[in-house]
Amino acid sequence: MTPAGVDSRGSEAHGPGTHGSRTGSSRRRRISALLLLLVGLVCLPVASGCDGDENGADGETTSSSTTGEGAQSGDIEGEVGDALEVGSALVTVRALQATFQPAVPAQRVSEQTPTAPAAGESFYQAYVRVENRETDPIRVDPNDFACAIGDTVVSIEPTLSGPLPRSLLKNASLDLLLTFKGPAGYEPLLLYNPPWYRGTVRVSPQAVGETTTTS
């Protein structure tokens, strides 16, 4: 009887301890799982925030490029005879001088009768060639030219300038005869501001006595 009783009491004495140990282990596993879940939830916003920093404050990737911008903008200066690269065009001023008897182009911007210069005024004429070197057409208009004479800037004389505006395809060129009227006795400075180029082209007469020598 005693062994049976001992076994019975032992079982009763050790049963609650074993149950408590199992319950403690189960609780620890649950706590560990909860901690892992919380850590995962906390890390998600952090990871998202890191991605946002790489792509920008609003999550969008931004980039900038200046490829080709230098060729399409900026002021250009040259002299008569220089072949100037103006965007996709090649501009050459072959002559720029004062004259009392201006030449008349075959096709004029205006068919009205030219007027003579007033006292103290003179005509100034420029011979210009514009050539398109790219696929996209460019518009060449005599009205995009002006001339700085002394302290004034004057537009073309339409009755003595031509031809009419036209678009140039690739490898096409246009010869222009441009006439200006302004104070006499000054050295002219030709100005060109085409709409397809962001900048001003300035061309001055070739220096007197300037020659090219070869040895």
Protein backbone atom coordinates (compact mmCIF):
# COMPACT_ATOMS: atom_id res chain seq x y z
CA MET A 1 0.00 0.00 0.00
CA THR A 2 2.82 2.31 0.88
CA PRO A 3 4.45 2.23 -2.55
CA ALA A 4 1.18 2.98 -4.16
CA GLY A 5 0.62 5.84 -1.81
CA VAL A 6 4.09 7.17 -2.36
CA ASP A 7 3.62 7.07 -6.08
CA SER A 8 0.30 8.79 -5.79
CA ARG A 9 1.64 11.57 -3.61
CA GLY A 10 4.74 11.92 -5.73
CA SER A 11 2.64 12.26 -8.77
CA GLU A 12 0.49 14.84 -7.09
CA ALA A 13 3.54 16.64 -5.69
CA HIS A 14 5.47 16.82 -8.98
CA GLY A 15 2.51 17.37 -11.35
CA PRO A 16 1.97 21.07 -10.65
CA GLY A 17 5.72 21.86 -11.02
CA THR A 18 5.92 20.20 -14.38
CA HIS A 19 2.80 21.99 -15.59
CA GLY A 20 4.22 25.31 -14.38
CA SER A 21 7.47 24.72 -16.24
CA ARG A 22 5.63 24.01 -19.46
CA THR A 23 3.44 27.05 -18.97
CA GLY A 24 6.52 29.26 -18.42
CA SER A 25 8.20 27.98 -21.57
CA SER A 26 5.05 28.64 -23.58
CA ARG A 27 4.85 32.18 -22.27
CA ARG A 28 8.49 32.84 -23.09
CA ARG A 29 7.94 31.63 -26.66
CA ARG A 30 4.92 33.88 -27.02
CA ILE A 31 6.84 36.87 -25.66
CA SER A 32 9.74 36.15 -28.03
CA ALA A 33 7.35 35.95 -30.98
CA LEU A 34 5.72 39.24 -30.00
CA LEU A 35 9.11 40.92 -29.70
CA LEU A 36 10.13 39.68 -33.14
CA LEU A 37 6.85 40.97 -34.58
CA LEU A 38 7.35 44.39 -32.98
CA VAL A 39 10.93 44.60 -34.25
CA GLY A 40 9.72 43.75 -37.74
CA LEU A 41 7.04 46.44 -37.61
CA VAL A 42 9.56 49.03 -36.43
CA CYS A 43 12.08 48.15 -39.15
CA LEU A 44 9.60 48.50 -42.01
CA PRO A 45 9.27 52.32 -41.76
CA VAL A 46 13.03 52.61 -41.33
CA ALA A 47 13.64 50.64 -44.50
CA SER A 48 11.07 52.74 -46.34
CA GLY A 49 12.71 55.89 -45.08
CA CYS A 50 16.10 54.75 -46.38
CA ASP A 51 14.65 54.11 -49.83
CA GLY A 52 13.09 57.57 -49.82
CA ASP A 53 16.44 59.20 -49.00
CA GLU A 54 18.04 57.58 -52.01
CA ASN A 55 15.33 58.66 -54.42
CA GLY A 56 14.54 62.07 -53.00
CA ALA A 57 12.34 63.55 -50.33
CA ASP A 58 9.17 62.69 -52.23
CA GLY A 59 10.30 59.25 -53.35
CA GLU A 60 11.00 60.37 -56.92
CA THR A 61 14.36 60.08 -58.64
CA THR A 62 15.70 63.40 -59.96
CA SER A 63 18.56 63.92 -62.38
CA SER A 64 19.99 66.73 -64.49
CA SER A 65 21.89 66.76 -67.74
CA THR A 66 23.61 69.53 -69.66
CA THR A 67 24.43 67.46 -72.73
CA GLY A 68 24.40 69.70 -75.80
CA GLU A 69 23.39 72.82 -73.87
CA GLY A 70 26.71 74.53 -74.45
CA ALA A 71 26.26 74.29 -78.22
CA GLN A 72 22.81 75.88 -78.07
CA SER A 73 23.46 78.91 -75.88
CA GLY A 74 25.97 81.63 -75.09
CA ASP A 75 27.13 84.85 -76.73
CA ILE A 76 29.49 84.52 -79.69
CA GLU A 77 31.95 87.11 -80.96
CA GLY A 78 33.84 87.12 -84.23
CA GLU A 79 35.15 89.15 -87.13
CA VAL A 80 34.32 89.39 -90.79
CA GLY A 81 35.40 86.19 -92.53
CA ASP A 82 35.06 83.96 -89.47
CA ALA A 83 32.90 80.84 -89.83
CA LEU A 84 30.98 80.89 -86.55
CA GLU A 85 29.22 77.82 -85.16
CA VAL A 86 25.84 79.05 -83.93
CA GLY A 87 23.89 76.09 -82.61
CA SER A 88 23.21 73.85 -85.61
CA ALA A 89 24.13 76.57 -88.11
CA LEU A 90 27.31 77.97 -89.58
CA VAL A 91 27.23 81.77 -89.89
CA THR A 92 29.77 83.66 -91.98
CA VAL A 93 29.78 87.46 -92.39
CA ARG A 94 31.67 88.09 -95.59
CA ALA A 95 31.54 91.89 -95.52
CA LEU A 96 30.48 94.66 -93.12
CA GLN A 97 31.10 98.26 -94.05
CA ALA A 98 29.70 101.75 -94.51
CA THR A 99 28.55 102.80 -97.98
CA PHE A 100 26.91 105.81 -99.58
CA GLN A 101 25.57 103.78 -102.51
CA PRO A 102 24.10 100.56 -101.11
CA ALA A 103 23.57 97.53 -103.28
CA VAL A 104 20.00 96.30 -103.75
CA PRO A 105 19.17 92.60 -103.22
CA ALA A 106 17.29 90.67 -105.90
CA GLN A 107 14.45 90.00 -103.45
CA ARG A 108 13.69 92.65 -100.86
CA VAL A 109 11.87 92.32 -97.56
CA SER A 110 9.78 95.37 -98.54
CA GLU A 111 8.97 96.50 -102.05
CA GLN A 112 8.52 100.13 -101.00
CA THR A 113 10.84 102.80 -102.37
CA PRO A 114 14.05 103.22 -100.36
CA THR A 115 14.66 106.57 -98.71
CA ALA A 116 17.95 108.46 -98.72
CA PRO A 117 19.83 108.92 -95.45
CA ALA A 118 19.42 112.22 -93.61
CA ALA A 119 22.24 114.66 -93.02
CA GLY A 120 24.93 113.07 -90.87
CA GLU A 121 23.66 109.56 -91.63
CA SER A 122 25.13 106.77 -93.71
CA PHE A 123 24.20 103.32 -94.94
CA TYR A 124 25.91 100.24 -93.58
CA GLN A 125 25.73 96.89 -95.34
CA ALA A 126 26.53 93.31 -94.39
CA TYR A 127 26.80 90.21 -96.56
CA VAL A 128 25.93 87.11 -94.51
CA ARG A 129 25.66 83.41 -95.27
CA VAL A 130 23.76 81.05 -92.96
CA GLU A 131 24.04 77.29 -93.45
CA ASN A 132 22.07 74.59 -91.63
CA ARG A 133 24.18 71.56 -90.71
CA GLU A 134 21.61 69.50 -88.80
CA THR A 135 18.49 67.51 -89.67
CA ASP A 136 15.99 69.86 -88.03
CA PRO A 137 15.14 72.87 -90.20
CA ILE A 138 15.97 76.38 -89.02
CA ARG A 139 14.23 79.65 -89.83
CA VAL A 140 16.44 82.42 -91.21
CA ASP A 141 14.88 85.90 -91.09
CA PRO A 142 16.64 89.17 -91.99
CA ASN A 143 14.65 90.86 -89.22
CA ASP A 144 16.61 88.85 -86.63
CA PHE A 145 19.66 90.98 -87.48
CA ALA A 146 20.47 94.41 -86.07
CA CYS A 147 23.47 96.73 -86.10
CA ALA A 148 25.12 98.70 -83.30
CA ILE A 149 26.28 102.04 -84.71
CA GLY A 150 27.79 104.36 -82.16
CA ASP A 151 25.46 104.45 -79.18
CA THR A 152 22.41 103.27 -81.12
CA VAL A 153 21.14 99.89 -82.28
CA VAL A 154 19.17 99.96 -85.51
CA SER A 155 17.06 97.41 -87.34
CA ILE A 156 17.44 96.53 -91.01
CA GLU A 157 16.22 98.81 -93.76
CA PRO A 158 13.59 96.43 -95.24
CA THR A 159 13.59 98.19 -98.60
CA LEU A 160 17.31 97.46 -99.04
CA SER A 161 17.56 94.09 -97.32
CA GLY A 162 16.71 90.57 -98.44
CA PRO A 163 15.72 87.96 -99.28
CA LEU A 164 12.47 87.09 -97.52
CA PRO A 165 12.53 84.76 -94.51
CA ARG A 166 12.71 81.06 -95.24
CA SER A 167 13.37 77.71 -93.59
CA LEU A 168 16.57 75.84 -94.32
CA LEU A 169 16.80 72.06 -94.45
CA LYS A 170 20.01 70.17 -93.71
CA ASN A 171 23.02 71.39 -95.76
CA ALA A 172 20.98 74.23 -97.27
CA SER A 173 22.28 77.79 -97.04
CA LEU A 174 21.00 81.31 -97.56
CA ASP A 175 22.90 84.44 -98.60
CA LEU A 176 21.58 87.67 -97.13
CA LEU A 177 22.25 91.30 -98.00
CA LEU A 178 21.44 93.44 -94.98
CA THR A 179 21.30 97.24 -95.00
CA PHE A 180 21.20 99.56 -92.01
CA LYS A 181 20.98 103.32 -91.67
CA GLY A 182 22.63 105.22 -88.83
CA PRO A 183 25.04 107.96 -87.80
CA ALA A 184 27.99 108.35 -90.17
CA GLY A 185 31.59 107.82 -89.17
CA TYR A 186 31.23 104.80 -86.88
CA GLU A 187 32.45 101.23 -87.06
CA PRO A 188 29.39 98.96 -87.29
CA LEU A 189 28.86 95.90 -85.12
CA LEU A 190 26.50 93.30 -86.57
CA LEU A 191 24.14 91.59 -84.10
CA TYR A 192 22.27 88.36 -84.73
CA ASN A 193 19.62 86.89 -82.40
CA PRO A 194 17.94 83.92 -84.11
CA PRO A 195 14.98 82.36 -82.25
CA TRP A 196 16.56 78.89 -82.35
CA TYR A 197 19.66 80.02 -80.42
CA ARG A 198 19.86 81.36 -76.85
CA GLY A 199 22.45 84.09 -77.17
CA THR A 200 23.70 86.97 -79.30
CA VAL A 201 26.17 86.75 -82.16
CA ARG A 202 28.38 89.84 -82.50
CA VAL A 203 30.52 90.36 -85.58
CA SER A 204 32.87 93.31 -86.08
CA PRO A 205 34.75 94.39 -89.22
CA GLN A 206 38.16 92.88 -89.74
CA ALA A 207 40.91 94.99 -88.23
CA VAL A 208 42.50 97.38 -90.72
CA GLY A 209 45.81 95.98 -91.99
CA GLU A 210 45.18 92.54 -90.51
CA THR A 211 46.66 89.94 -92.80
CA THR A 212 47.47 86.27 -92.66
CA THR A 213 51.02 85.27 -93.47
CA THR A 214 52.55 81.86 -94.01
CA SER A 215 56.19 80.86 -93.81
